[in-house]
C-alpha atoms as a PDB file:
ATOM      1  CA  MET A   1      25.940   2.086  -2.591  1.00  0.00           C
ATOM      2  CA  ARG A   2      25.812  -0.877  -0.332  1.00  0.00           C
ATOM      3  CA  VAL A   3      23.249  -3.305  -1.374  1.00  0.00           C
ATOM      4  CA  VAL A   4      22.197  -6.339   1.412  1.00  0.00           C
ATOM      5  CA  LEU A   5      20.277  -9.279  -0.020  1.00  0.00           C
ATOM      6  CA  PRO A   6      17.898 -11.821   1.371  1.00  0.00           C
ATOM      7  CA  SER A   7      18.981 -15.412   1.543  1.00  0.00           C
ATOM      8  CA  PRO A   8      16.886 -16.338  -1.391  1.00  0.00           C
ATOM      9  CA  LEU A   9      18.866 -14.353  -3.718  1.00  0.00           C
ATOM     10  CA  PHE A  10      22.096 -15.548  -2.839  1.00  0.00           C
ATOM     11  CA  SER A  11      22.188 -18.484  -5.744  1.00  0.00           C
ATOM     12  CA  TYR A  12      22.250 -15.426  -8.168  1.00  0.00           C
ATOM     13  CA  THR A  13      25.403 -13.861  -6.395  1.00  0.00           C
ATOM     14  CA  GLY A  14      27.213 -17.042  -5.612  1.00  0.00           C
ATOM     15  CA  GLY A  15      26.443 -16.612  -2.190  1.00  0.00           C
ATOM     16  CA  GLN A  16      27.523 -13.176  -1.506  1.00  0.00           C
ATOM     17  CA  ARG A  17      25.390 -11.343   1.027  1.00  0.00           C
ATOM     18  CA  GLU A  18      26.318  -8.064   0.261  1.00  0.00           C
ATOM     19  CA  ILE A  19      27.333  -6.350  -2.877  1.00  0.00           C
ATOM     20  CA  GLU A  20      28.354  -2.739  -4.430  1.00  0.00           C
ATOM     21  CA  GLY A  21      25.496  -1.544  -6.645  1.00  0.00           C
ATOM     22  CA  THR A  22      24.737   1.675  -8.676  1.00  0.00           C
ATOM     23  CA  GLY A  23      21.522   3.446  -9.969  1.00  0.00           C
ATOM     24  CA  GLU A  24      19.912   6.813  -9.189  1.00  0.00           C
ATOM     25  CA  SER A  25      16.796   5.043  -8.330  1.00  0.00           C
ATOM     26  CA  LEU A  26      15.553   1.946  -7.149  1.00  0.00           C
ATOM     27  CA  VAL A  27      14.537   1.162 -10.826  1.00  0.00           C
ATOM     28  CA  GLN A  28      18.134   1.711 -11.793  1.00  0.00           C
ATOM     29  CA  LEU A  29      19.529  -0.093  -9.059  1.00  0.00           C
ATOM     30  CA  LEU A  30      17.328  -3.443 -10.332  1.00  0.00           C
ATOM     31  CA  GLU A  31      18.500  -2.910 -13.753  1.00  0.00           C
ATOM     32  CA  PHE A  32      22.086  -3.122 -12.288  1.00  0.00           C
ATOM     33  CA  LEU A  33      21.255  -5.797 -10.622  1.00  0.00           C
ATOM     34  CA  GLU A  34      19.861  -7.834 -13.595  1.00  0.00           C
ATOM     35  CA  SER A  35      22.958  -6.643 -15.525  1.00  0.00           C
ATOM     36  CA  ARG A  36      25.361  -8.422 -13.324  1.00  0.00           C
ATOM     37  CA  TYR A  37      22.853 -11.069 -11.762  1.00  0.00           C
ATOM     38  CA  ALA A  38      20.610 -12.466 -14.497  1.00  0.00           C
ATOM     39  CA  GLY A  39      17.159 -13.345 -13.377  1.00  0.00           C
ATOM     40  CA  MET A  40      17.367 -11.468 -10.030  1.00  0.00           C
ATOM     41  CA  ARG A  41      14.828  -8.885 -10.994  1.00  0.00           C
ATOM     42  CA  HIS A  42      12.204 -10.932 -11.877  1.00  0.00           C
ATOM     43  CA  ARG A  43      12.465 -12.665  -8.280  1.00  0.00           C
ATOM     44  CA  ILE A  44      11.915  -8.615  -6.862  1.00  0.00           C
ATOM     45  CA  VAL A  45       9.382  -7.461  -9.407  1.00  0.00           C
ATOM     46  CA  ASP A  46       6.620  -8.683 -11.060  1.00  0.00           C
ATOM     47  CA  GLU A  47       5.731  -8.855 -15.000  1.00  0.00           C
ATOM     48  CA  GLN A  48       3.944  -5.358 -14.381  1.00  0.00           C
ATOM     49  CA  ASP A  49       7.192  -3.854 -12.754  1.00  0.00           C
ATOM     50  CA  ARG A  50       5.354  -3.821  -9.193  1.00  0.00           C
ATOM     51  CA  ILE A  51       7.384  -5.085  -6.135  1.00  0.00           C
ATOM     52  CA  ARG A  52       6.441  -8.507  -5.242  1.00  0.00           C
ATOM     53  CA  PRO A  53       4.402  -8.587  -2.183  1.00  0.00           C
ATOM     54  CA  HIS A  54       6.804 -10.540  -0.261  1.00  0.00           C
ATOM     55  CA  ILE A  55       9.557  -8.249  -0.980  1.00  0.00           C
ATOM     56  CA  ARG A  56      10.421  -5.013   1.120  1.00  0.00           C
ATOM     57  CA  PHE A  57      12.888  -2.329   0.574  1.00  0.00           C
ATOM     58  CA  PHE A  58      14.807  -0.154   3.176  1.00  0.00           C
ATOM     59  CA  VAL A  59      16.984   2.659   2.229  1.00  0.00           C
ATOM     60  CA  ASN A  60      19.120   3.824   5.159  1.00  0.00           C
ATOM     61  CA  GLY A  61      16.730   2.408   7.387  1.00  0.00           C
ATOM     62  CA  ASP A  62      13.595   3.568   5.959  1.00  0.00           C
ATOM     63  CA  GLY A  63      10.950   1.596   4.155  1.00  0.00           C
ATOM     64  CA  VAL A  64      10.503   2.121   0.666  1.00  0.00           C
ATOM     65  CA  THR A  65       7.655   1.074  -1.320  1.00  0.00           C
ATOM     66  CA  ARG A  66       8.096   3.282  -4.724  1.00  0.00           C
ATOM     67  CA  LEU A  67      10.565   2.118  -7.269  1.00  0.00           C
ATOM     68  CA  ASP A  68      11.343   5.670  -8.398  1.00  0.00           C
ATOM     69  CA  HIS A  69      12.776   6.135  -4.996  1.00  0.00           C
ATOM     70  CA  ARG A  70      16.087   8.496  -5.613  1.00  0.00           C
ATOM     71  CA  LEU A  71      19.019   6.910  -4.261  1.00  0.00           C
ATOM     72  CA  GLN A  72      22.556   8.322  -3.465  1.00  0.00           C
ATOM     73  CA  SER A  73      25.925   6.632  -4.098  1.00  0.00           C
ATOM     74  CA  ASN A  74      26.356   6.202  -0.315  1.00  0.00           C
ATOM     75  CA  ASP A  75      23.223   4.759   0.341  1.00  0.00           C
ATOM     76  CA  GLU A  76      22.744   1.508   1.998  1.00  0.00           C
ATOM     77  CA  VAL A  77      19.618  -0.565   0.431  1.00  0.00           C
ATOM     78  CA  ILE A  78      18.322  -3.698   2.251  1.00  0.00           C
ATOM     79  CA  ILE A  79      16.096  -6.160   0.358  1.00  0.00           C
ATOM     80  CA  VAL A  80      14.103  -8.260   2.617  1.00  0.00           C
ATOM     81  CA  ALA A  81      12.121 -11.581   1.636  1.00  0.00           C
ATOM     82  CA  ALA A  82       9.329 -12.070   3.899  1.00  0.00           C
ATOM     83  CA  LEU A  83       8.840 -15.855   5.216  1.00  0.00           C
ATOM     84  CA  SER A  84       5.788 -17.694   4.851  1.00  0.00           C
ATOM     85  CA  GLY A  85       4.388 -21.015   5.333  1.00  0.00           C
ATOM     86  CA  GLY A  86       3.278 -22.567   8.255  1.00  0.00           C
END
């Protein structure tokens, strides 16, 4: 599946904005990302395995809030990191 990453995560992928991922759910996709890009998962979910407040997932254009959301190999997953500050 195609995974589009926000710029705060580019340092984990060597600057790649898009990568190919695998997994039957968002949980499995995050496990895949962590296996390839150590430390990335912690930037996306907290210690209680909850999506961090500033992170949003979109699967094929639809907002997803549950990590057990099922994925297909041809899905597009976009991870968005909200900007903050003033």
